[in-house]
Structures are given as C-alpha cells and as structure tokens.
Amino acid sequence: MEQKEQELAEIRKKLKGFIVTGLSLEGVKPEEIKDDTVLFGEGLGLDSLDAVEIVVLLQRNWGVDVKDMNDGRKAFYSIDTLANYIYDHLKK
C-alpha cells in the first residue's frame, strides 16, 4: 500500500509540473495546485483544448492512452483522479 502511495505522490507532483508548463498556466505554481483541485470550469479553469493537451501529456510521459472518453471525463476531474487513472493504466 505504501509503495502505491509513494508512486501516486510522484505522479501527482509530475502532473502538476506538466500541466503548469505544458498548458502555459500563467501565475500558477505547481506546488499551489491542491490534489483535489477541480481541473475544468471553476477550478483551474481548463477547457477542451487543454484536455487534448493533457491526453498528449499522458501519452508522452507515461505511455497512457485515454481511449474511453467516459473514463476520461471521470479521470480528468482533479489531479488526484488523474494520478489514479495514470497509476491504474501504466504499462507495468
């Protein structure tokens, strides 16, 4: 269990950095993003173009594909849900 939590913490940390730099979020530092911050709408305010960028980030950095958009919608809710999605879909 502890191993999973360490891996998830590392994924969350990397995700925050990738999102801030990859999506050019101005005035946002990765460490300011909480794990449960909503990514779209009122949270970080990301939009559908950002979602496409995140799909590319997941593919490029973790080799994770988002094939089912219903899964994607749930996974893209917050940093935490996205980290768990990556963890569950990593090719081990």
Protein backbone atom coordinates (compact mmCIF):
# COMPACT_ATOMS: atom_id res chain seq x y z
CA MET A 1 0.00 0.00 0.00
CA GLU A 2 2.77 2.43 0.92
CA GLN A 3 4.51 1.75 -2.40
CA LYS A 4 1.34 2.73 -4.28
CA GLU A 5 1.00 5.94 -2.26
CA GLN A 6 4.63 6.90 -2.98
CA GLU A 7 4.13 6.28 -6.70
CA LEU A 8 0.89 8.27 -6.69
CA ALA A 9 2.59 11.17 -4.90
CA GLU A 10 5.33 11.18 -7.55
CA ILE A 11 2.77 11.05 -10.38
CA ARG A 12 0.79 13.93 -8.81
CA LYS A 13 3.94 16.03 -8.48
CA LYS A 14 4.96 15.43 -12.10
CA LEU A 15 1.40 16.02 -13.32
CA LYS A 16 1.21 19.43 -11.67
CA GLY A 17 4.51 20.45 -13.28
CA PHE A 18 3.48 19.17 -16.70
CA ILE A 19 0.10 20.88 -16.52
CA VAL A 20 1.56 24.24 -15.49
CA THR A 21 4.34 24.21 -18.10
CA GLY A 22 2.58 22.25 -20.84
CA LEU A 23 -0.56 24.37 -20.71
CA SER A 24 1.34 27.62 -20.05
CA LEU A 25 -0.71 28.47 -16.97
CA GLU A 26 0.28 32.00 -16.05
CA GLY A 27 0.65 32.89 -12.39
CA VAL A 28 0.18 29.30 -11.22
CA LYS A 29 2.92 27.34 -9.49
CA PRO A 30 2.72 23.52 -9.45
CA GLU A 31 3.01 23.43 -5.65
CA GLU A 32 -0.02 25.75 -5.35
CA ILE A 33 -2.31 23.21 -7.03
CA LYS A 34 -4.05 21.01 -4.48
CA ASP A 35 -4.55 17.33 -5.28
CA ASP A 36 -8.33 17.77 -5.20
CA THR A 37 -8.46 21.00 -7.24
CA VAL A 38 -11.05 20.66 -10.00
CA LEU A 39 -9.21 20.93 -13.32
CA PHE A 40 -12.00 22.25 -15.53
CA GLY A 41 -14.54 25.01 -15.03
CA GLU A 42 -14.30 26.81 -11.71
CA GLY A 43 -11.16 25.02 -10.54
CA LEU A 44 -8.10 25.65 -12.71
CA GLY A 45 -10.39 26.82 -15.50
CA LEU A 46 -9.08 24.43 -18.13
CA ASP A 47 -11.06 23.89 -21.34
CA SER A 48 -11.46 21.24 -24.04
CA LEU A 49 -8.25 22.25 -25.81
CA ASP A 50 -6.40 21.78 -22.53
CA ALA A 51 -7.98 18.32 -22.24
CA VAL A 52 -6.46 17.39 -25.61
CA GLU A 53 -3.07 18.64 -24.38
CA ILE A 54 -3.40 16.56 -21.21
CA VAL A 55 -4.17 13.44 -23.29
CA VAL A 56 -0.92 14.10 -25.21
CA LEU A 57 0.99 14.64 -21.93
CA LEU A 58 -0.26 11.31 -20.57
CA GLN A 59 0.77 9.52 -23.74
CA ARG A 60 4.17 11.18 -23.98
CA ASN A 61 5.17 10.95 -20.32
CA TRP A 62 3.54 7.75 -19.12
CA GLY A 63 2.53 5.87 -22.27
CA VAL A 64 -1.09 6.03 -21.06
CA ASP A 65 -3.89 6.29 -23.63
CA VAL A 66 -7.35 7.64 -22.92
CA LYS A 67 -9.48 5.51 -25.19
CA ASP A 68 -12.86 5.84 -23.48
CA MET A 69 -14.00 9.43 -23.03
CA ASN A 70 -16.40 8.43 -20.23
CA ASP A 71 -13.40 7.15 -18.28
CA GLY A 72 -11.53 10.26 -19.37
CA ARG A 73 -14.19 12.58 -18.02
CA LYS A 74 -14.02 10.96 -14.59
CA ALA A 75 -10.22 10.79 -14.66
CA PHE A 76 -9.83 14.46 -15.64
CA TYR A 77 -11.79 15.71 -12.63
CA SER A 78 -8.77 16.56 -10.43
CA ILE A 79 -5.05 15.95 -10.06
CA ASP A 80 -5.83 13.07 -7.71
CA THR A 81 -8.29 11.33 -10.07
CA LEU A 82 -5.87 11.80 -12.96
CA ALA A 83 -2.94 10.40 -10.96
CA ASN A 84 -5.01 7.34 -10.05
CA TYR A 85 -6.00 6.87 -13.70
CA ILE A 86 -2.34 7.01 -14.75
CA TYR A 87 -1.35 4.60 -11.97
CA ASP A 88 -4.08 2.13 -12.95
CA HIS A 89 -3.20 2.30 -16.67
CA LEU A 90 0.60 2.28 -16.53
CA LYS A 91 2.06 -0.46 -18.64
CA LYS A 92 3.86 -2.45 -15.96
